[in-house]
PDB file of N, CA and C in Angstrom:
ATOM      1  N   MET A   1      -3.656  18.335 -12.571  1.00  0.00           N
ATOM      2  CA  MET A   1      -2.036  17.321 -12.695  1.00  0.00           C
ATOM      3  C   MET A   1      -1.695  17.234 -11.228  1.00  0.00           C
ATOM      4  N   ARG A   2      -1.918  18.792 -10.387  1.00  0.00           N
ATOM      5  CA  ARG A   2      -1.188  18.083  -8.857  1.00  0.00           C
ATOM      6  C   ARG A   2      -2.077  16.737  -8.402  1.00  0.00           C
ATOM      7  N   SER A   3      -3.026  16.348  -8.735  1.00  0.00           N
ATOM      8  CA  SER A   3      -3.686  14.903  -8.025  1.00  0.00           C
ATOM      9  C   SER A   3      -2.991  13.958  -8.921  1.00  0.00           C
ATOM     10  N   HIS A   4      -2.309  14.030 -10.002  1.00  0.00           N
ATOM     11  CA  HIS A   4      -1.697  12.560 -10.618  1.00  0.00           C
ATOM     12  C   HIS A   4      -0.302  12.934  -9.620  1.00  0.00           C
ATOM     13  N   ILE A   5       0.657  14.030  -9.256  1.00  0.00           N
ATOM     14  CA  ILE A   5       1.899  13.683  -8.491  1.00  0.00           C
ATOM     15  C   ILE A   5       1.310  13.600  -6.836  1.00  0.00           C
ATOM     16  N   TYR A   6       0.170  13.802  -6.493  1.00  0.00           N
ATOM     17  CA  TYR A   6      -0.130  13.232  -5.040  1.00  0.00           C
ATOM     18  C   TYR A   6      -0.438  11.657  -5.039  1.00  0.00           C
ATOM     19  N   LEU A   7      -0.885  11.070  -6.530  1.00  0.00           N
ATOM     20  CA  LEU A   7      -1.133   9.635  -6.696  1.00  0.00           C
ATOM     21  C   LEU A   7      -0.001   8.671  -6.777  1.00  0.00           C
ATOM     22  N   ALA A   8       0.904   9.525  -7.516  1.00  0.00           N
ATOM     23  CA  ALA A   8       2.197   9.163  -7.690  1.00  0.00           C
ATOM     24  C   ALA A   8       2.998   8.634  -6.687  1.00  0.00           C
ATOM     25  N   VAL A   9       3.227   9.869  -5.446  1.00  0.00           N
ATOM     26  CA  VAL A   9       3.595  10.087  -4.107  1.00  0.00           C
ATOM     27  C   VAL A   9       3.085   8.857  -3.351  1.00  0.00           C
ATOM     28  N   LEU A  10       1.765   8.783  -3.384  1.00  0.00           N
ATOM     29  CA  LEU A  10       0.983   7.436  -2.701  1.00  0.00           C
ATOM     30  C   LEU A  10       1.574   5.997  -3.344  1.00  0.00           C
ATOM     31  N   GLY A  11       1.648   5.848  -4.535  1.00  0.00           N
ATOM     32  CA  GLY A  11       2.139   4.716  -5.075  1.00  0.00           C
ATOM     33  C   GLY A  11       3.322   4.483  -4.625  1.00  0.00           C
ATOM     34  N   ILE A  12       4.453   5.626  -4.753  1.00  0.00           N
ATOM     35  CA  ILE A  12       5.756   5.154  -4.230  1.00  0.00           C
ATOM     36  C   ILE A  12       5.976   4.598  -2.851  1.00  0.00           C
ATOM     37  N   ILE A  13       5.332   5.199  -2.095  1.00  0.00           N
ATOM     38  CA  ILE A  13       4.680   5.264  -0.597  1.00  0.00           C
ATOM     39  C   ILE A  13       4.678   3.597  -0.588  1.00  0.00           C
ATOM     40  N   SER A  14       3.477   3.053  -1.239  1.00  0.00           N
ATOM     41  CA  SER A  14       2.952   2.179  -1.013  1.00  0.00           C
ATOM     42  C   SER A  14       4.179   0.893  -1.488  1.00  0.00           C
ATOM     43  N   PHE A  15       4.852   1.287  -2.846  1.00  0.00           N
ATOM     44  CA  PHE A  15       5.730   0.397  -3.340  1.00  0.00           C
ATOM     45  C   PHE A  15       6.765   0.030  -2.279  1.00  0.00           C
ATOM     46  N   ILE A  16       7.354   0.860  -1.436  1.00  0.00           N
ATOM     47  CA  ILE A  16       8.222   0.871  -0.394  1.00  0.00           C
ATOM     48  C   ILE A  16       7.757   0.381   0.839  1.00  0.00           C
ATOM     49  N   LEU A  17       6.435   0.302   1.202  1.00  0.00           N
ATOM     50  CA  LEU A  17       5.828  -0.562   2.170  1.00  0.00           C
ATOM     51  C   LEU A  17       5.827  -1.882   1.522  1.00  0.00           C
ATOM     52  N   TYR A  18       5.304  -2.311   0.660  1.00  0.00           N
ATOM     53  CA  TYR A  18       5.327  -3.531   0.050  1.00  0.00           C
ATOM     54  C   TYR A  18       6.932  -4.467  -0.003  1.00  0.00           C
ATOM     55  N   LEU A  19       7.673  -3.781  -0.346  1.00  0.00           N
ATOM     56  CA  LEU A  19       9.146  -3.930  -0.059  1.00  0.00           C
ATOM     57  C   LEU A  19       9.752  -4.358   1.262  1.00  0.00           C
ATOM     58  N   TRP A  20       9.111  -3.765   2.178  1.00  0.00           N
ATOM     59  CA  TRP A  20       9.397  -3.858   3.223  1.00  0.00           C
ATOM     60  C   TRP A  20       8.534  -5.191   4.130  1.00  0.00           C
ATOM     61  N   LEU A  21       7.225  -5.533   3.472  1.00  0.00           N
ATOM     62  CA  LEU A  21       6.710  -6.490   3.897  1.00  0.00           C
ATOM     63  C   LEU A  21       7.672  -7.864   3.387  1.00  0.00           C
ATOM     64  N   THR A  22       8.086  -7.681   1.858  1.00  0.00           N
ATOM     65  CA  THR A  22       8.792  -8.795   1.374  1.00  0.00           C
ATOM     66  C   THR A  22       9.934  -9.101   2.611  1.00  0.00           C
ATOM     67  N   GLY A  23      10.595  -8.135   3.027  1.00  0.00           N
ATOM     68  CA  GLY A  23      12.127  -8.312   3.811  1.00  0.00           C
ATOM     69  C   GLY A  23      11.354  -8.910   5.478  1.00  0.00           C
ATOM     70  N   LEU A  24       9.831  -8.304   5.692  1.00  0.00           N
ATOM     71  CA  LEU A  24       9.429  -9.391   6.682  1.00  0.00           C
ATOM     72  C   LEU A  24       9.209 -10.465   6.804  1.00  0.00           C
ATOM     73  N   SER A  25       8.837 -10.953   5.284  1.00  0.00           N
ATOM     74  CA  SER A  25       8.412 -12.139   5.225  1.00  0.00           C
ATOM     75  C   SER A  25       9.183 -13.512   5.536  1.00  0.00           C
ATOM     76  N   LYS A  26      10.817 -12.835   5.562  1.00  0.00           N
ATOM     77  CA  LYS A  26      11.931 -13.599   5.858  1.00  0.00           C
ATOM     78  C   LYS A  26      11.832 -14.065   7.163  1.00  0.00           C
ATOM     79  N   ASP A  27      11.256 -13.507   8.447  1.00  0.00           N
ATOM     80  CA  ASP A  27      11.234 -13.519   9.515  1.00  0.00           C
ATOM     81  C   ASP A  27      10.065 -14.918  10.204  1.00  0.00           C
ATOM     82  N   PHE A  28       9.269 -14.995   9.286  1.00  0.00           N
ATOM     83  CA  PHE A  28       8.422 -15.907   9.099  1.00  0.00           C
ATOM     84  C   PHE A  28       8.700 -17.356   8.744  1.00  0.00           C
ATOM     85  N   ASN A  29       9.615 -18.318   9.514  1.00  0.00           N
ATOM     86  CA  ASN A  29       9.727 -19.519  10.041  1.00  0.00           C
ATOM     87  C   ASN A  29       8.675 -20.408  10.200  1.00  0.00           C
ATOM     88  N   TRP A  30       8.038 -21.054   9.000  1.00  0.00           N
ATOM     89  CA  TRP A  30       6.562 -21.837   9.617  1.00  0.00           C
ATOM     90  C   TRP A  30       6.959 -23.080  10.635  1.00  0.00           C
ATOM     91  N   GLY A  31       6.087 -22.824  11.402  1.00  0.00           N
ATOM     92  CA  GLY A  31       6.572 -24.298  12.085  1.00  0.00           C
ATOM     93  C   GLY A  31       7.415 -24.154  13.966  1.00  0.00           C
ATOM     94  N   GLU A  32       8.255 -22.881  13.405  1.00  0.00           N
ATOM     95  CA  GLU A  32       8.768 -22.542  14.634  1.00  0.00           C
ATOM     96  C   GLU A  32       9.030 -20.902  14.787  1.00  0.00           C
ATOM     97  N   GLY A  33       9.337 -20.910  16.282  1.00  0.00           N
ATOM     98  CA  GLY A  33       9.307 -19.613  16.643  1.00  0.00           C
ATOM     99  C   GLY A  33       8.163 -18.478  16.502  1.00  0.00           C
ATOM    100  N   TYR A  34       7.586 -19.033  16.874  1.00  0.00           N
ATOM    101  CA  TYR A  34       6.295 -18.185  17.079  1.00  0.00           C
ATOM    102  C   TYR A  34       6.065 -16.976  17.571  1.00  0.00           C
ATOM    103  N   SER A  35       6.646 -16.771  18.741  1.00  0.00           N
ATOM    104  CA  SER A  35       7.041 -15.819  19.713  1.00  0.00           C
ATOM    105  C   SER A  35       7.973 -14.616  18.894  1.00  0.00           C
ATOM    106  N   GLU A  36       8.553 -14.715  17.827  1.00  0.00           N
ATOM    107  CA  GLU A  36       9.560 -14.151  17.434  1.00  0.00           C
ATOM    108  C   GLU A  36       8.898 -13.702  16.009  1.00  0.00           C
ATOM    109  N   ARG A  37       8.100 -13.958  15.505  1.00  0.00           N
ATOM    110  CA  ARG A  37       7.317 -13.493  14.386  1.00  0.00           C
ATOM    111  C   ARG A  37       6.657 -11.780  14.234  1.00  0.00           C
ATOM    112  N   PRO A  38       6.912 -11.508  13.611  1.00  0.00           N
ATOM    113  CA  PRO A  38       6.611  -9.842  13.489  1.00  0.00           C
ATOM    114  C   PRO A  38       5.036  -9.524  12.870  1.00  0.00           C
ATOM    115  N   ILE A  39       4.172 -10.089  13.612  1.00  0.00           N
ATOM    116  CA  ILE A  39       2.853 -10.221  13.434  1.00  0.00           C
ATOM    117  C   ILE A  39       2.242  -8.569  13.303  1.00  0.00           C
ATOM    118  N   LEU A  40       2.889  -8.014  14.613  1.00  0.00           N
ATOM    119  CA  LEU A  40       2.221  -6.977  14.471  1.00  0.00           C
ATOM    120  C   LEU A  40       2.606  -5.411  13.661  1.00  0.00           C
ATOM    121  N   GLU A  41       3.877  -5.960  13.261  1.00  0.00           N
ATOM    122  CA  GLU A  41       4.569  -4.911  12.295  1.00  0.00           C
ATOM    123  C   GLU A  41       3.876  -5.418  10.637  1.00  0.00           C
ATOM    124  N   TYR A  42       3.616  -6.351  10.767  1.00  0.00           N
ATOM    125  CA  TYR A  42       3.222  -6.857   9.525  1.00  0.00           C
ATOM    126  C   TYR A  42       1.772  -6.210   9.370  1.00  0.00           C
ATOM    127  N   LEU A  43       0.817  -6.497  10.516  1.00  0.00           N
ATOM    128  CA  LEU A  43      -0.583  -5.862  10.626  1.00  0.00           C
ATOM    129  C   LEU A  43      -0.551  -4.295  10.399  1.00  0.00           C
ATOM    130  N   ALA A  44       0.344  -3.627  10.862  1.00  0.00           N
ATOM    131  CA  ALA A  44       0.533  -2.127  11.058  1.00  0.00           C
ATOM    132  C   ALA A  44       0.807  -1.867   9.497  1.00  0.00           C
ATOM    133  N   ILE A  45       1.690  -2.313   8.583  1.00  0.00           N
ATOM    134  CA  ILE A  45       1.959  -2.408   7.574  1.00  0.00           C
ATOM    135  C   ILE A  45       0.901  -2.566   6.433  1.00  0.00           C
ATOM    136  N   TYR A  46       0.038  -3.313   6.726  1.00  0.00           N
ATOM    137  CA  TYR A  46      -1.162  -3.690   5.934  1.00  0.00           C
ATOM    138  C   TYR A  46      -2.187  -2.478   5.973  1.00  0.00           C
ATOM    139  N   PHE A  47      -2.132  -2.050   7.514  1.00  0.00           N
ATOM    140  CA  PHE A  47      -3.243  -1.221   7.531  1.00  0.00           C
ATOM    141  C   PHE A  47      -2.846  -0.181   7.014  1.00  0.00           C
ATOM    142  N   ALA A  48      -1.480   0.031   6.997  1.00  0.00           N
ATOM    143  CA  ALA A  48      -1.261   1.860   6.130  1.00  0.00           C
ATOM    144  C   ALA A  48      -1.251   1.586   4.813  1.00  0.00           C
ATOM    145  N   LEU A  49      -0.780   0.128   4.069  1.00  0.00           N
ATOM    146  CA  LEU A  49      -1.735  -0.052   2.832  1.00  0.00           C
ATOM    147  C   LEU A  49      -2.636   0.320   2.592  1.00  0.00           C
ATOM    148  N   PHE A  50      -3.631  -0.015   3.438  1.00  0.00           N
ATOM    149  CA  PHE A  50      -5.082  -0.104   3.107  1.00  0.00           C
ATOM    150  C   PHE A  50      -5.629   1.453   3.312  1.00  0.00           C
ATOM    151  N   PHE A  51      -5.040   2.326   4.151  1.00  0.00           N
ATOM    152  CA  PHE A  51      -5.226   3.801   4.485  1.00  0.00           C
ATOM    153  C   PHE A  51      -4.823   4.422   3.098  1.00  0.00           C
ATOM    154  N   LEU A  52      -3.592   4.200   2.839  1.00  0.00           N
ATOM    155  CA  LEU A  52      -2.960   4.808   1.416  1.00  0.00           C
ATOM    156  C   LEU A  52      -3.742   4.532   0.032  1.00  0.00           C
ATOM    157  N   TYR A  53      -4.266   3.109   0.107  1.00  0.00           N
ATOM    158  CA  TYR A  53      -5.437   2.917  -1.050  1.00  0.00           C
ATOM    159  C   TYR A  53      -6.778   3.621  -0.929  1.00  0.00           C
ATOM    160  N   THR A  54      -7.145   3.905   0.328  1.00  0.00           N
ATOM    161  CA  THR A  54      -8.561   4.549   0.647  1.00  0.00           C
ATOM    162  C   THR A  54      -8.137   6.127   0.314  1.00  0.00           C
ATOM    163  N   LEU A  55      -6.796   6.723   0.721  1.00  0.00           N
ATOM    164  CA  LEU A  55      -6.482   8.006   0.251  1.00  0.00           C
ATOM    165  C   LEU A  55      -6.467   8.034  -1.343  1.00  0.00           C
ATOM    166  N   ALA A  56      -5.806   7.327  -1.818  1.00  0.00           N
ATOM    167  CA  ALA A  56      -6.031   7.146  -3.462  1.00  0.00           C
ATOM    168  C   ALA A  56      -7.212   7.158  -4.187  1.00  0.00           C
ATOM    169  N   CYS A  57      -7.737   6.339  -3.371  1.00  0.00           N
ATOM    170  CA  CYS A  57      -9.446   6.645  -3.832  1.00  0.00           C
ATOM    171  C   CYS A  57     -10.186   7.612  -3.565  1.00  0.00           C
ATOM    172  N   PHE A  58     -10.034   7.808  -2.545  1.00  0.00           N
ATOM    173  CA  PHE A  58     -10.951   9.711  -2.152  1.00  0.00           C
ATOM    174  C   PHE A  58     -10.186  10.836  -3.401  1.00  0.00           C
ATOM    175  N   THR A  59      -8.851  10.673  -3.630  1.00  0.00           N
ATOM    176  CA  THR A  59      -8.177  11.671  -4.597  1.00  0.00           C
ATOM    177  C   THR A  59      -8.662  11.184  -5.720  1.00  0.00           C
ATOM    178  N   VAL A  60      -8.859  10.114  -6.534  1.00  0.00           N
ATOM    179  CA  VAL A  60      -9.627  10.045  -7.621  1.00  0.00           C
ATOM    180  C   VAL A  60     -10.952  10.246  -7.767  1.00  0.00           C
ATOM    181  N   PHE A  61     -11.658  10.167  -6.881  1.00  0.00           N
ATOM    182  CA  PHE A  61     -13.044  10.034  -6.996  1.00  0.00           C
ATOM    183  C   PHE A  61     -13.686  11.907  -6.635  1.00  0.00           C
ATOM    184  N   LYS A  62     -12.661  12.262  -6.138  1.00  0.00           N
ATOM    185  CA  LYS A  62     -12.704  13.984  -5.298  1.00  0.00           C
ATOM    186  C   LYS A  62     -12.445  14.811  -6.582  1.00  0.00           C
ATOM    187  N   SER A  63     -11.143  14.448  -7.320  1.00  0.00           N
ATOM    188  CA  SER A  63     -10.881  15.116  -8.239  1.00  0.00           C
ATOM    189  C   SER A  63     -11.140  15.105  -9.490  1.00  0.00           C
ATOM    190  N   ASN A  64     -11.316  15.978 -10.791  1.00  0.00           N
ATOM    191  CA  ASN A  64     -11.316  15.913 -11.856  1.00  0.00           C
ATOM    192  C   ASN A  64     -10.439  14.861 -12.543  1.00  0.00           C
ATOM    193  N   CYS A  65     -10.152  13.417 -12.283  1.00  0.00           N
ATOM    194  CA  CYS A  65      -9.032  12.848 -12.737  1.00  0.00           C
ATOM    195  C   CYS A  65      -9.709  12.468 -13.815  1.00  0.00           C
ATOM    196  N   SER A  66      -8.734  11.994 -14.899  1.00  0.00           N
ATOM    197  CA  SER A  66      -9.231  11.173 -15.752  1.00  0.00           C
ATOM    198  C   SER A  66      -9.986   9.605 -15.628  1.00  0.00           C
ATOM    199  N   LYS A  67     -10.307   9.236 -16.526  1.00  0.00           N
ATOM    200  CA  LYS A  67     -10.831   7.861 -16.661  1.00  0.00           C
ATOM    201  C   LYS A  67      -9.711   6.667 -16.457  1.00  0.00           C
ATOM    202  N   LYS A  68      -8.420   7.287 -17.257  1.00  0.00           N
ATOM    203  CA  LYS A  68      -7.399   6.667 -17.406  1.00  0.00           C
ATOM    204  C   LYS A  68      -6.774   6.597 -15.778  1.00  0.00           C
ATOM    205  N   ALA A  69      -6.769   7.534 -14.928  1.00  0.00           N
ATOM    206  CA  ALA A  69      -6.685   7.369 -13.516  1.00  0.00           C
ATOM    207  C   ALA A  69      -7.048   6.311 -12.480  1.00  0.00           C
ATOM    208  N   PHE A  70      -8.268   6.319 -13.176  1.00  0.00           N
ATOM    209  CA  PHE A  70      -9.294   5.227 -12.101  1.00  0.00           C
ATOM    210  C   PHE A  70      -8.762   4.255 -12.285  1.00  0.00           C
ATOM    211  N   TRP A  71      -8.394   3.735 -13.810  1.00  0.00           N
ATOM    212  CA  TRP A  71      -8.550   2.336 -14.157  1.00  0.00           C
ATOM    213  C   TRP A  71      -7.217   1.850 -13.501  1.00  0.00           C
ATOM    214  N   ILE A  72      -6.158   2.726 -13.699  1.00  0.00           N
ATOM    215  CA  ILE A  72      -4.805   2.381 -13.020  1.00  0.00           C
ATOM    216  C   ILE A  72      -5.010   2.199 -11.628  1.00  0.00           C
ATOM    217  N   LEU A  73      -5.581   2.691 -10.827  1.00  0.00           N
ATOM    218  CA  LEU A  73      -5.962   2.916  -9.377  1.00  0.00           C
ATOM    219  C   LEU A  73      -6.544   1.305  -9.360  1.00  0.00           C
ATOM    220  N   ALA A  74      -7.780   1.232  -9.873  1.00  0.00           N
ATOM    221  CA  ALA A  74      -8.606  -0.094  -9.876  1.00  0.00           C
ATOM    222  C   ALA A  74      -7.125  -1.399 -10.548  1.00  0.00           C
ATOM    223  N   ALA A  75      -6.757  -1.248 -11.351  1.00  0.00           N
ATOM    224  CA  ALA A  75      -5.948  -2.477 -11.803  1.00  0.00           C
ATOM    225  C   ALA A  75      -4.669  -2.188 -10.891  1.00  0.00           C
ATOM    226  N   CYS A  76      -3.983  -1.522 -10.117  1.00  0.00           N
ATOM    227  CA  CYS A  76      -3.092  -1.973  -9.678  1.00  0.00           C
ATOM    228  C   CYS A  76      -2.971  -1.707  -8.088  1.00  0.00           C
ATOM    229  N   GLY A  77      -4.658  -1.256  -7.689  1.00  0.00           N
ATOM    230  CA  GLY A  77      -4.810  -1.363  -6.524  1.00  0.00           C
ATOM    231  C   GLY A  77      -4.899  -2.488  -5.612  1.00  0.00           C
TER     232      GLY A  77
END
């Protein structure tokens, strides 16, 4: 049961990071302001999301999670 809570926390953190990406996307005005684009922030968030997904995969494979947890991770990942 503890791994389900851990997965839920990872999911909430991922959701917050995706919301942050949505906010950053407003700063990408294509065709102008190339030097003002938050590319490094965008990449840092994407790497953080990849790291969280990797942690979630290791949690599912390491623990005795049900098949349901695996398929939820595969579908939402």
